[in-house]
Amino acid sequence: MHYLFIYSLSDDYLTRRTEFRAQHLALAWQAAERGELLLAGALTDPVDIGMFLFSGDSPAAAEAFANADPYVANGLIKSWRVRQWTTVAGPLAATPVRP
């Protein structure tokens, strides 16, 4: 299964992230090395949303990441949510459906 961790960035995110970025990136790379995190990054123009694609049997890894993320803990994130994403096409689709 795939899960999206989606968060809304605070208005001062770009000016405040430097202090917490190394911890945030270390947490993300650790999740990737465990095979839980497939992709992550921020949307641009404007920089207002971050998205992380997790893989697993439940949303637990995505939720654990959110609860440990220094961006969340230090107010750089206004709100976040984890949503199951039914992926059906492409080489990494969790539930491939072919015509």
Protein backbone atom coordinates (compact mmCIF):
# COMPACT_ATOMS: atom_id res chain seq x y z
CA MET A 1 0.00 0.00 0.00
CA HIS A 2 1.03 3.60 -0.52
CA TYR A 3 0.41 6.47 1.87
CA LEU A 4 0.90 10.18 1.33
CA PHE A 5 2.01 12.35 4.23
CA ILE A 6 0.86 15.81 3.18
CA TYR A 7 1.56 18.96 5.14
CA SER A 8 0.91 22.67 4.85
CA LEU A 9 3.93 24.85 5.48
CA SER A 10 3.89 27.89 7.76
CA ASP A 11 4.27 31.33 6.20
CA ASP A 12 7.77 31.65 7.69
CA TYR A 13 8.88 28.14 6.70
CA LEU A 14 11.64 29.23 4.32
CA THR A 15 13.22 31.58 6.86
CA ARG A 16 12.99 29.13 9.79
CA ARG A 17 13.77 25.74 8.23
CA THR A 18 17.59 26.09 8.32
CA GLU A 19 17.72 25.39 12.06
CA PHE A 20 15.82 22.09 11.70
CA ARG A 21 16.64 20.97 8.15
CA ALA A 22 19.53 18.59 8.95
CA GLN A 23 17.39 16.72 11.52
CA HIS A 24 14.42 16.64 9.15
CA LEU A 25 16.49 15.30 6.25
CA ALA A 26 18.23 12.72 8.46
CA LEU A 27 14.83 11.43 9.56
CA ALA A 28 13.67 11.25 5.94
CA TRP A 29 16.78 9.41 4.73
CA GLN A 30 16.52 6.94 7.63
CA ALA A 31 12.94 6.16 6.59
CA ALA A 32 14.11 5.74 2.98
CA GLU A 33 16.91 3.38 4.03
CA ARG A 34 14.35 1.25 5.89
CA GLY A 35 12.30 1.07 2.67
CA GLU A 36 9.37 3.03 4.14
CA LEU A 37 9.84 6.31 2.28
CA LEU A 38 9.95 6.28 -1.52
CA LEU A 39 9.92 10.01 -2.37
CA ALA A 40 9.66 13.31 -0.52
CA GLY A 41 9.82 17.01 -1.20
CA ALA A 42 8.05 20.34 -1.29
CA LEU A 43 5.79 21.74 -3.99
CA THR A 44 7.05 24.99 -5.45
CA ASP A 45 5.63 28.25 -6.79
CA PRO A 46 4.53 28.76 -4.07
CA VAL A 47 6.41 26.69 -1.50
CA ASP A 48 3.38 25.86 0.64
CA ILE A 49 2.95 22.07 0.71
CA GLY A 50 5.25 19.13 1.42
CA MET A 51 4.50 15.58 0.24
CA PHE A 52 6.03 12.26 1.21
CA LEU A 53 5.22 8.93 -0.43
CA PHE A 54 5.42 6.03 2.02
CA SER A 55 5.04 2.31 1.34
CA GLY A 56 3.82 -0.24 3.88
CA ASP A 57 1.00 -2.36 5.24
CA SER A 58 -0.47 0.55 7.23
CA PRO A 59 -0.08 4.30 7.67
CA ALA A 60 2.04 3.70 10.79
CA ALA A 61 5.40 4.65 9.23
CA ALA A 62 4.02 7.90 7.81
CA GLU A 63 2.36 8.79 11.11
CA ALA A 64 5.52 7.95 13.06
CA PHE A 65 7.51 10.18 10.74
CA ALA A 66 5.07 13.06 11.29
CA ASN A 67 5.21 12.64 15.05
CA ALA A 68 9.03 12.67 15.05
CA ASP A 69 9.53 15.41 12.42
CA PRO A 70 11.26 18.50 13.87
CA TYR A 71 9.37 20.66 11.35
CA VAL A 72 6.08 19.52 12.91
CA ALA A 73 7.36 19.79 16.50
CA ASN A 74 8.69 23.32 15.99
CA GLY A 75 5.71 24.88 14.22
CA LEU A 76 6.98 24.97 10.64
CA ILE A 77 3.98 22.85 9.68
CA LYS A 78 0.50 24.38 10.00
CA SER A 79 -1.34 21.09 9.53
CA TRP A 80 -0.68 17.57 8.28
CA ARG A 81 -2.53 14.43 7.29
CA VAL A 82 -1.81 10.93 6.06
CA ARG A 83 -3.93 9.57 3.22
CA GLN A 84 -3.95 6.13 1.65
CA TRP A 85 -3.20 6.36 -2.07
CA THR A 86 -4.37 3.53 -4.30
CA THR A 87 -1.69 3.42 -6.98
CA VAL A 88 -2.74 1.44 -10.05
CA ALA A 89 -0.30 2.23 -12.89
CA GLY A 90 3.46 2.40 -13.19
CA PRO A 91 6.35 0.20 -12.13
CA LEU A 92 5.87 0.95 -8.41
CA ALA A 93 2.06 0.62 -8.32
CA ALA A 94 0.96 -1.14 -5.14
CA THR A 95 -2.22 -2.49 -6.75
CA PRO A 96 -1.55 -2.66 -10.50
CA VAL A 97 -4.58 -2.66 -12.77
CA ARG A 98 -3.99 -3.35 -16.43
CA PRO A 99 -6.49 -2.97 -19.27
